[in-house]
Amino acid sequence: MLTVESKTAPASLDTARHAVNVASDKLAADIVMLDLRGVASFTDFFVVLTVESPRQMDSLAQEIESEVEELGASLHHREGTPHSGWMLLDFSDVIVHLFRPESREFYDIEDAWSEATEAVRIQ
């Protein structure tokens, strides 16, 4: 009998936690994981973080994408560029927002989703 090893998608909580850990390891600032289960129908978690430069944003986005995909999650959509001040990585159940400080203040994701539960904050 032939068995085929398959990669199954990780639970959204595991994916979000892994994204937080990668961001923390790579020195992102003010990392927040918002639990949107029961608040939004399109995703379970937001991971919001701040970076200091376009270079750090690009590097971190690539690292998060690579590490989360190794868990079995798939990147469905990417928006923004390192030079725009904001990038979004959409893994369906988890959406990672990478911001430069001025863009994070402008978009104010935490306030816009104030009904979500703040599950993690690393400053």
Foldseek 3Di string as FASTA:
>chain_A
DDDDDDQDQDDLVVLLVQLQVLCVVLPWAWWWKWQCVVPDDFAGIEIETEDAALVSVVVSVVVSQVRNVVNVFHFPDKDDHSVVQWIWTPSRRYIYIYGHVVVCVVVVVCVVVVVTDTPDTDD
